[in-house]
PDB file of all heavy atoms in Angstrom:
ATOM      1  N   ARG A   1      -5.607  15.015  -2.992  1.00  0.00           N
ATOM      2  CA  ARG A   1      -6.935  15.607  -2.648  1.00  0.00           C
ATOM      3  C   ARG A   1      -6.757  16.745  -1.794  1.00  0.00           C
ATOM      4  O   ARG A   1      -5.659  16.996  -1.108  1.00  0.00           O
ATOM      5  CB  ARG A   1      -7.709  14.530  -1.833  1.00  0.00           C
ATOM      6  CG  ARG A   1      -9.025  15.129  -1.355  1.00  0.00           C
ATOM      7  CD  ARG A   1      -9.762  14.090  -0.445  1.00  0.00           C
ATOM      8  NE  ARG A   1     -10.317  12.986  -1.269  1.00  0.00           N
ATOM      9  CZ  ARG A   1     -10.941  11.998  -0.784  1.00  0.00           C
ATOM     10  NH1 ARG A   1     -11.078  11.862   0.521  1.00  0.00           N
ATOM     11  NH2 ARG A   1     -11.464  10.948  -1.532  1.00  0.00           N
ATOM     12  N   HIS A   2      -7.631  17.781  -1.936  1.00  0.00           N
ATOM     13  CA  HIS A   2      -7.440  19.025  -1.146  1.00  0.00           C
ATOM     14  C   HIS A   2      -8.883  19.396  -0.559  1.00  0.00           C
ATOM     15  O   HIS A   2      -9.883  19.227  -1.305  1.00  0.00           O
ATOM     16  CB  HIS A   2      -6.859  20.136  -1.935  1.00  0.00           C
ATOM     17  CG  HIS A   2      -7.616  20.507  -3.212  1.00  0.00           C
ATOM     18  ND1 HIS A   2      -8.754  21.452  -3.122  1.00  0.00           N
ATOM     19  CD2 HIS A   2      -7.559  20.117  -4.455  1.00  0.00           C
ATOM     20  CE1 HIS A   2      -9.197  21.589  -4.274  1.00  0.00           C
ATOM     21  NE2 HIS A   2      -8.667  20.824  -5.115  1.00  0.00           N
ATOM     22  N   THR A   3      -8.820  19.858   0.660  1.00  0.00           N
ATOM     23  CA  THR A   3     -10.061  20.335   1.331  1.00  0.00           C
ATOM     24  C   THR A   3      -9.641  21.639   1.987  1.00  0.00           C
ATOM     25  O   THR A   3      -8.368  22.013   2.033  1.00  0.00           O
ATOM     26  CB  THR A   3     -10.625  19.377   2.397  1.00  0.00           C
ATOM     27  OG1 THR A   3      -9.570  19.113   3.367  1.00  0.00           O
ATOM     28  CG2 THR A   3     -10.984  18.142   1.778  1.00  0.00           C
ATOM     29  N   PHE A   4     -10.557  22.345   2.606  1.00  0.00           N
ATOM     30  CA  PHE A   4     -10.189  23.598   3.181  1.00  0.00           C
ATOM     31  C   PHE A   4      -9.258  23.422   4.348  1.00  0.00           C
ATOM     32  O   PHE A   4      -8.321  24.188   4.492  1.00  0.00           O
ATOM     33  CB  PHE A   4     -11.488  24.302   3.632  1.00  0.00           C
ATOM     34  CG  PHE A   4     -11.269  25.599   4.490  1.00  0.00           C
ATOM     35  CD1 PHE A   4     -10.916  26.766   3.841  1.00  0.00           C
ATOM     36  CD2 PHE A   4     -11.307  25.562   5.846  1.00  0.00           C
ATOM     37  CE1 PHE A   4     -10.617  27.907   4.534  1.00  0.00           C
ATOM     38  CE2 PHE A   4     -11.018  26.727   6.560  1.00  0.00           C
ATOM     39  CZ  PHE A   4     -10.735  27.916   5.956  1.00  0.00           C
ATOM     40  N   LEU A   5      -9.455  22.382   5.199  1.00  0.00           N
ATOM     41  CA  LEU A   5      -8.690  22.179   6.390  1.00  0.00           C
ATOM     42  C   LEU A   5      -7.382  21.574   5.949  1.00  0.00           C
ATOM     43  O   LEU A   5      -6.389  21.710   6.749  1.00  0.00           O
ATOM     44  CB  LEU A   5      -9.354  21.336   7.481  1.00  0.00           C
ATOM     45  CG  LEU A   5     -10.632  21.930   8.093  1.00  0.00           C
ATOM     46  CD1 LEU A   5     -11.170  20.935   8.968  1.00  0.00           C
ATOM     47  CD2 LEU A   5     -10.286  23.226   8.747  1.00  0.00           C
ATOM     48  N   SER A   6      -7.215  20.911   4.937  1.00  0.00           N
ATOM     49  CA  SER A   6      -6.049  20.262   4.452  1.00  0.00           C
ATOM     50  C   SER A   6      -5.870  20.440   2.988  1.00  0.00           C
ATOM     51  O   SER A   6      -6.264  19.632   2.139  1.00  0.00           O
ATOM     52  CB  SER A   6      -5.982  18.719   4.768  1.00  0.00           C
ATOM     53  OG  SER A   6      -4.701  18.133   4.372  1.00  0.00           O
ATOM     54  N   PRO A   7      -5.279  21.594   2.610  1.00  0.00           N
ATOM     55  CA  PRO A   7      -5.081  21.845   1.154  1.00  0.00           C
ATOM     56  C   PRO A   7      -4.290  20.830   0.385  1.00  0.00           C
ATOM     57  O   PRO A   7      -4.339  20.794  -0.865  1.00  0.00           O
ATOM     58  CB  PRO A   7      -4.425  23.288   1.217  1.00  0.00           C
ATOM     59  CG  PRO A   7      -4.706  23.836   2.526  1.00  0.00           C
ATOM     60  CD  PRO A   7      -4.750  22.663   3.385  1.00  0.00           C
ATOM     61  N   GLU A   8      -3.364  20.064   1.084  1.00  0.00           N
ATOM     62  CA  GLU A   8      -2.529  19.158   0.487  1.00  0.00           C
ATOM     63  C   GLU A   8      -2.644  17.804   1.122  1.00  0.00           C
ATOM     64  O   GLU A   8      -2.206  17.640   2.230  1.00  0.00           O
ATOM     65  CB  GLU A   8      -1.050  19.677   0.412  1.00  0.00           C
ATOM     66  CG  GLU A   8      -0.840  20.945  -0.283  1.00  0.00           C
ATOM     67  CD  GLU A   8       0.626  21.416  -0.197  1.00  0.00           C
ATOM     68  OE1 GLU A   8       1.515  20.508  -0.332  1.00  0.00           O
ATOM     69  OE2 GLU A   8       0.851  22.679   0.003  1.00  0.00           O
ATOM     70  N   GLN A   9      -3.179  16.817   0.444  1.00  0.00           N
ATOM     71  CA  GLN A   9      -3.347  15.514   0.905  1.00  0.00           C
ATOM     72  C   GLN A   9      -2.794  14.487  -0.105  1.00  0.00           C
ATOM     73  O   GLN A   9      -3.282  14.528  -1.306  1.00  0.00           O
ATOM     74  CB  GLN A   9      -4.731  15.182   1.236  1.00  0.00           C
ATOM     75  CG  GLN A   9      -5.408  15.988   2.224  1.00  0.00           C
ATOM     76  CD  GLN A   9      -6.847  15.576   2.511  1.00  0.00           C
ATOM     77  OE1 GLN A   9      -7.137  14.448   2.518  1.00  0.00           O
ATOM     78  NE2 GLN A   9      -7.769  16.543   2.723  1.00  0.00           N
ATOM     79  N   TYR A  10      -1.797  13.749   0.228  1.00  0.00           N
ATOM     80  CA  TYR A  10      -1.159  12.782  -0.697  1.00  0.00           C
ATOM     81  C   TYR A  10      -1.552  11.405  -0.114  1.00  0.00           C
ATOM     82  O   TYR A  10      -1.354  11.210   1.017  1.00  0.00           O
ATOM     83  CB  TYR A  10       0.265  13.005  -0.886  1.00  0.00           C
ATOM     84  CG  TYR A  10       0.704  14.364  -1.524  1.00  0.00           C
ATOM     85  CD1 TYR A  10       0.973  15.458  -0.601  1.00  0.00           C
ATOM     86  CD2 TYR A  10       0.904  14.413  -2.850  1.00  0.00           C
ATOM     87  CE1 TYR A  10       1.353  16.611  -1.150  1.00  0.00           C
ATOM     88  CE2 TYR A  10       1.301  15.709  -3.432  1.00  0.00           C
ATOM     89  CZ  TYR A  10       1.519  16.810  -2.559  1.00  0.00           C
ATOM     90  OH  TYR A  10       1.845  17.985  -3.029  1.00  0.00           O
ATOM     91  N   THR A  11      -1.832  10.464  -1.021  1.00  0.00           N
ATOM     92  CA  THR A  11      -1.853   9.077  -0.751  1.00  0.00           C
ATOM     93  C   THR A  11      -1.057   8.357  -1.819  1.00  0.00           C
ATOM     94  O   THR A  11      -1.365   8.443  -3.032  1.00  0.00           O
ATOM     95  CB  THR A  11      -3.276   8.544  -0.766  1.00  0.00           C
ATOM     96  OG1 THR A  11      -4.097   9.292   0.143  1.00  0.00           O
ATOM     97  CG2 THR A  11      -3.324   7.078  -0.417  1.00  0.00           C
ATOM     98  N   VAL A  12      -0.063   7.687  -1.317  1.00  0.00           N
ATOM     99  CA  VAL A  12       0.873   6.882  -2.102  1.00  0.00           C
ATOM    100  C   VAL A  12       0.790   5.457  -1.835  1.00  0.00           C
ATOM    101  O   VAL A  12       0.966   5.076  -0.635  1.00  0.00           O
ATOM    102  CB  VAL A  12       2.353   7.355  -2.067  1.00  0.00           C
ATOM    103  CG1 VAL A  12       3.174   6.453  -2.927  1.00  0.00           C
ATOM    104  CG2 VAL A  12       2.486   8.835  -2.414  1.00  0.00           C
ATOM    105  N   GLN A  13       0.476   4.542  -2.688  1.00  0.00           N
ATOM    106  CA  GLN A  13       0.207   3.149  -2.507  1.00  0.00           C
ATOM    107  C   GLN A  13       1.149   2.302  -3.339  1.00  0.00           C
ATOM    108  O   GLN A  13       1.251   2.502  -4.590  1.00  0.00           O
ATOM    109  CB  GLN A  13      -1.283   2.807  -2.663  1.00  0.00           C
ATOM    110  CG  GLN A  13      -1.532   1.341  -2.279  1.00  0.00           C
ATOM    111  CD  GLN A  13      -3.059   1.091  -2.499  1.00  0.00           C
ATOM    112  OE1 GLN A  13      -3.833   1.895  -2.123  1.00  0.00           O
ATOM    113  NE2 GLN A  13      -3.423  -0.113  -2.908  1.00  0.00           N
ATOM    114  N   GLN A  14       1.848   1.329  -2.720  1.00  0.00           N
ATOM    115  CA  GLN A  14       2.730   0.408  -3.451  1.00  0.00           C
ATOM    116  C   GLN A  14       2.427  -1.032  -3.053  1.00  0.00           C
ATOM    117  O   GLN A  14       2.245  -1.299  -1.879  1.00  0.00           O
ATOM    118  CB  GLN A  14       4.193   0.757  -3.184  1.00  0.00           C
ATOM    119  CG  GLN A  14       4.569   2.270  -3.429  1.00  0.00           C
ATOM    120  CD  GLN A  14       6.002   2.528  -2.860  1.00  0.00           C
ATOM    121  OE1 GLN A  14       6.969   2.103  -3.397  1.00  0.00           O
ATOM    122  NE2 GLN A  14       6.020   3.209  -1.818  1.00  0.00           N
ATOM    123  N   ASN A  15       2.287  -1.860  -4.101  1.00  0.00           N
ATOM    124  CA  ASN A  15       2.037  -3.293  -3.812  1.00  0.00           C
ATOM    125  C   ASN A  15       2.797  -4.093  -4.780  1.00  0.00           C
ATOM    126  O   ASN A  15       3.193  -3.688  -5.839  1.00  0.00           O
ATOM    127  CB  ASN A  15       0.572  -3.542  -4.184  1.00  0.00           C
ATOM    128  CG  ASN A  15      -0.421  -2.887  -3.155  1.00  0.00           C
ATOM    129  OD1 ASN A  15      -0.613  -3.294  -1.983  1.00  0.00           O
ATOM    130  ND2 ASN A  15      -1.005  -1.734  -3.569  1.00  0.00           N
ATOM    131  N   ALA A  16       3.086  -5.332  -4.282  1.00  0.00           N
ATOM    132  CA  ALA A  16       3.988  -6.143  -5.143  1.00  0.00           C
ATOM    133  C   ALA A  16       3.667  -7.715  -4.645  1.00  0.00           C
ATOM    134  O   ALA A  16       3.172  -7.936  -3.654  1.00  0.00           O
ATOM    135  CB  ALA A  16       5.448  -5.959  -4.862  1.00  0.00           C
ATOM    136  N   ILE A  17       4.081  -8.561  -5.625  1.00  0.00           N
ATOM    137  CA  ILE A  17       4.024 -10.042  -5.331  1.00  0.00           C
ATOM    138  C   ILE A  17       5.491 -10.509  -5.542  1.00  0.00           C
ATOM    139  O   ILE A  17       6.080 -10.314  -6.615  1.00  0.00           O
ATOM    140  CB  ILE A  17       3.093 -10.809  -6.259  1.00  0.00           C
ATOM    141  CG1 ILE A  17       1.601 -10.278  -5.985  1.00  0.00           C
ATOM    142  CG2 ILE A  17       3.112 -12.308  -5.890  1.00  0.00           C
ATOM    143  CD1 ILE A  17       0.615 -10.902  -6.861  1.00  0.00           C
ATOM    144  N   VAL A  18       6.065 -11.152  -4.479  1.00  0.00           N
ATOM    145  CA  VAL A  18       7.401 -11.695  -4.605  1.00  0.00           C
ATOM    146  C   VAL A  18       7.341 -13.058  -5.110  1.00  0.00           C
ATOM    147  O   VAL A  18       6.769 -14.003  -4.431  1.00  0.00           O
ATOM    148  CB  VAL A  18       8.181 -11.595  -3.279  1.00  0.00           C
ATOM    149  CG1 VAL A  18       9.676 -12.093  -3.425  1.00  0.00           C
ATOM    150  CG2 VAL A  18       8.196 -10.230  -2.718  1.00  0.00           C
ATOM    151  N   SER A  19       7.856 -13.343  -6.411  1.00  0.00           N
ATOM    152  CA  SER A  19       7.753 -14.655  -6.957  1.00  0.00           C
ATOM    153  C   SER A  19       8.644 -15.674  -6.128  1.00  0.00           C
ATOM    154  O   SER A  19       9.747 -15.346  -5.682  1.00  0.00           O
ATOM    155  CB  SER A  19       8.223 -14.645  -8.395  1.00  0.00           C
ATOM    156  OG  SER A  19       9.510 -14.164  -8.448  1.00  0.00           O
ATOM    157  N   GLY A  20       8.092 -16.886  -5.893  1.00  0.00           N
ATOM    158  CA  GLY A  20       8.848 -17.925  -5.316  1.00  0.00           C
ATOM    159  C   GLY A  20       8.824 -17.771  -3.745  1.00  0.00           C
ATOM    160  O   GLY A  20       9.600 -18.603  -3.158  1.00  0.00           O
ATOM    161  N   ARG A  21       8.018 -16.900  -3.212  1.00  0.00           N
ATOM    162  CA  ARG A  21       8.056 -16.786  -1.709  1.00  0.00           C
ATOM    163  C   ARG A  21       6.555 -16.779  -1.234  1.00  0.00           C
ATOM    164  O   ARG A  21       5.694 -16.222  -1.853  1.00  0.00           O
ATOM    165  CB  ARG A  21       8.707 -15.449  -1.362  1.00  0.00           C
ATOM    166  CG  ARG A  21       8.728 -15.333   0.155  1.00  0.00           C
ATOM    167  CD  ARG A  21       9.479 -13.948   0.466  1.00  0.00           C
ATOM    168  NE  ARG A  21       9.326 -13.500   1.884  1.00  0.00           N
ATOM    169  CZ  ARG A  21       9.851 -12.488   2.476  1.00  0.00           C
ATOM    170  NH1 ARG A  21      10.552 -11.595   1.731  1.00  0.00           N
ATOM    171  NH2 ARG A  21       9.658 -12.189   3.705  1.00  0.00           N
ATOM    172  N   LYS A  22       6.367 -17.441  -0.185  1.00  0.00           N
ATOM    173  CA  LYS A  22       5.105 -17.535   0.501  1.00  0.00           C
ATOM    174  C   LYS A  22       5.070 -16.886   1.895  1.00  0.00           C
ATOM    175  O   LYS A  22       6.142 -16.570   2.478  1.00  0.00           O
ATOM    176  CB  LYS A  22       4.745 -19.006   0.772  1.00  0.00           C
ATOM    177  CG  LYS A  22       4.807 -19.937  -0.476  1.00  0.00           C
ATOM    178  CD  LYS A  22       3.788 -19.559  -1.491  1.00  0.00           C
ATOM    179  CE  LYS A  22       3.753 -20.555  -2.609  1.00  0.00           C
ATOM    180  NZ  LYS A  22       2.690 -20.228  -3.610  1.00  0.00           N
ATOM    181  N   TRP A  23       3.916 -16.447   2.342  1.00  0.00           N
ATOM    182  CA  TRP A  23       3.787 -15.793   3.612  1.00  0.00           C
ATOM    183  C   TRP A  23       4.180 -16.842   4.704  1.00  0.00           C
ATOM    184  O   TRP A  23       3.814 -18.033   4.641  1.00  0.00           O
ATOM    185  CB  TRP A  23       2.301 -15.347   3.882  1.00  0.00           C
ATOM    186  CG  TRP A  23       1.967 -14.139   3.119  1.00  0.00           C
ATOM    187  CD1 TRP A  23       1.280 -14.151   1.962  1.00  0.00           C
ATOM    188  CD2 TRP A  23       2.086 -12.828   3.610  1.00  0.00           C
ATOM    189  NE1 TRP A  23       1.052 -12.832   1.580  1.00  0.00           N
ATOM    190  CE2 TRP A  23       1.521 -11.990   2.565  1.00  0.00           C
ATOM    191  CE3 TRP A  23       2.607 -12.288   4.722  1.00  0.00           C
ATOM    192  CZ2 TRP A  23       1.432 -10.545   2.629  1.00  0.00           C
ATOM    193  CZ3 TRP A  23       2.573 -10.845   4.767  1.00  0.00           C
ATOM    194  CH2 TRP A  23       2.007  -9.992   3.771  1.00  0.00           C
ATOM    195  N   LEU A  24       4.825 -16.396   5.749  1.00  0.00           N
ATOM    196  CA  LEU A  24       5.167 -17.350   6.848  1.00  0.00           C
ATOM    197  C   LEU A  24       3.954 -17.815   7.591  1.00  0.00           C
ATOM    198  O   LEU A  24       3.957 -18.958   8.057  1.00  0.00           O
ATOM    199  CB  LEU A  24       6.163 -16.498   7.789  1.00  0.00           C
ATOM    200  CG  LEU A  24       7.482 -16.194   7.266  1.00  0.00           C
ATOM    201  CD1 LEU A  24       8.199 -15.418   8.373  1.00  0.00           C
ATOM    202  CD2 LEU A  24       8.188 -17.365   6.901  1.00  0.00           C
ATOM    203  N   HIS A  25       2.974 -16.993   7.691  1.00  0.00           N
ATOM    204  CA  HIS A  25       1.708 -17.426   8.393  1.00  0.00           C
ATOM    205  C   HIS A  25       0.714 -18.147   7.564  1.00  0.00           C
ATOM    206  O   HIS A  25      -0.241 -18.731   8.029  1.00  0.00           O
ATOM    207  CB  HIS A  25       1.081 -16.224   9.034  1.00  0.00           C
ATOM    208  CG  HIS A  25       0.421 -15.282   8.041  1.00  0.00           C
ATOM    209  ND1 HIS A  25       1.202 -14.309   7.324  1.00  0.00           N
ATOM    210  CD2 HIS A  25      -0.797 -15.108   7.557  1.00  0.00           C
ATOM    211  CE1 HIS A  25       0.364 -13.637   6.534  1.00  0.00           C
ATOM    212  NE2 HIS A  25      -0.771 -14.139   6.660  1.00  0.00           N
ATOM    213  N   ASP A  26       0.961 -18.128   6.245  1.00  0.00           N
ATOM    214  CA  ASP A  26       0.026 -18.781   5.272  1.00  0.00           C
ATOM    215  C   ASP A  26       0.838 -19.288   4.078  1.00  0.00           C
ATOM    216  O   ASP A  26       1.059 -18.587   3.149  1.00  0.00           O
ATOM    217  CB  ASP A  26      -1.037 -17.854   4.852  1.00  0.00           C
ATOM    218  CG  ASP A  26      -2.165 -18.560   3.983  1.00  0.00           C
ATOM    219  OD1 ASP A  26      -1.963 -19.738   3.667  1.00  0.00           O
ATOM    220  OD2 ASP A  26      -3.166 -17.898   3.757  1.00  0.00           O
ATOM    221  N   SER A  27       1.284 -20.591   4.152  1.00  0.00           N
ATOM    222  CA  SER A  27       2.188 -21.074   3.082  1.00  0.00           C
ATOM    223  C   SER A  27       1.421 -21.339   1.788  1.00  0.00           C
ATOM    224  O   SER A  27       2.118 -21.720   0.799  1.00  0.00           O
ATOM    225  CB  SER A  27       2.836 -22.367   3.564  1.00  0.00           C
ATOM    226  OG  SER A  27       1.822 -23.395   3.934  1.00  0.00           O
ATOM    227  N   GLN A  28       0.163 -21.123   1.750  1.00  0.00           N
ATOM    228  CA  GLN A  28      -0.565 -21.321   0.565  1.00  0.00           C
ATOM    229  C   GLN A  28      -0.672 -20.058  -0.243  1.00  0.00           C
ATOM    230  O   GLN A  28      -1.094 -20.204  -1.461  1.00  0.00           O
ATOM    231  CB  GLN A  28      -2.037 -21.830   0.927  1.00  0.00           C
ATOM    232  CG  GLN A  28      -2.066 -23.113   1.712  1.00  0.00           C
ATOM    233  CD  GLN A  28      -1.400 -24.352   0.992  1.00  0.00           C
ATOM    234  OE1 GLN A  28      -1.634 -24.457  -0.194  1.00  0.00           O
ATOM    235  NE2 GLN A  28      -0.644 -25.034   1.795  1.00  0.00           N
TER     236      GLN A  28
END
């Protein structure tokens, strides 16, 4: 995205699910 005040704006998003592993705070 680009605006006058910030001609270059990048947003990079990465997500994943690790098979066979649960959250430590939520084993479900």
